[in-house]
Amino acid sequence: MNPIEQNQALFPDPNCPARPRYARSAEDLPAPIVPYSTIIEMECDVCGGDGRNHDVQDDYEPCEHCIDGKVAVLRNWLVEAQQIEAGQLTTTELRREHLTALHHYVQTVVNVYNSEHSTSKEKTAA
């Protein structure tokens, strides 16, 4: 399985492949396929990044969704970049990771094309 197929396997829902996967910590997520996907830390949306459960009024109780106000997020940069270009992700900001994933993807496709093209030339010459 090549890195692009491995990256696609990390995101099982084909209808929404760019949807980030959230977990309390990076250990709870599958290993990313660099440079197509990586794990980043973001502030928790539930507690607002303070790590406290706001539903409980009495004592301090930690948020169930994060650790110290941070969640681990597995992002699929390659698919997000393709969906940004297609106009499907209008609220997602373009980041350097998107461009790096696209650049690596194009290099891979060109290398495969060139290797297949040179192999077909050798077969024709023989």
Foldseek 3Di string as FASTA:
>chain_A
DDLVVVQQVQQPDPVCRQDKDKAQDPVVGDQHRPLQKDKDKDFDPCVRQQQFHPVDDPDTDGDPGYDNRIIIIIGGLQVVLVCVVVVNDPPDDDDPSNVVNVVVVVVVVVVVVVVVVVVVVVVVVD
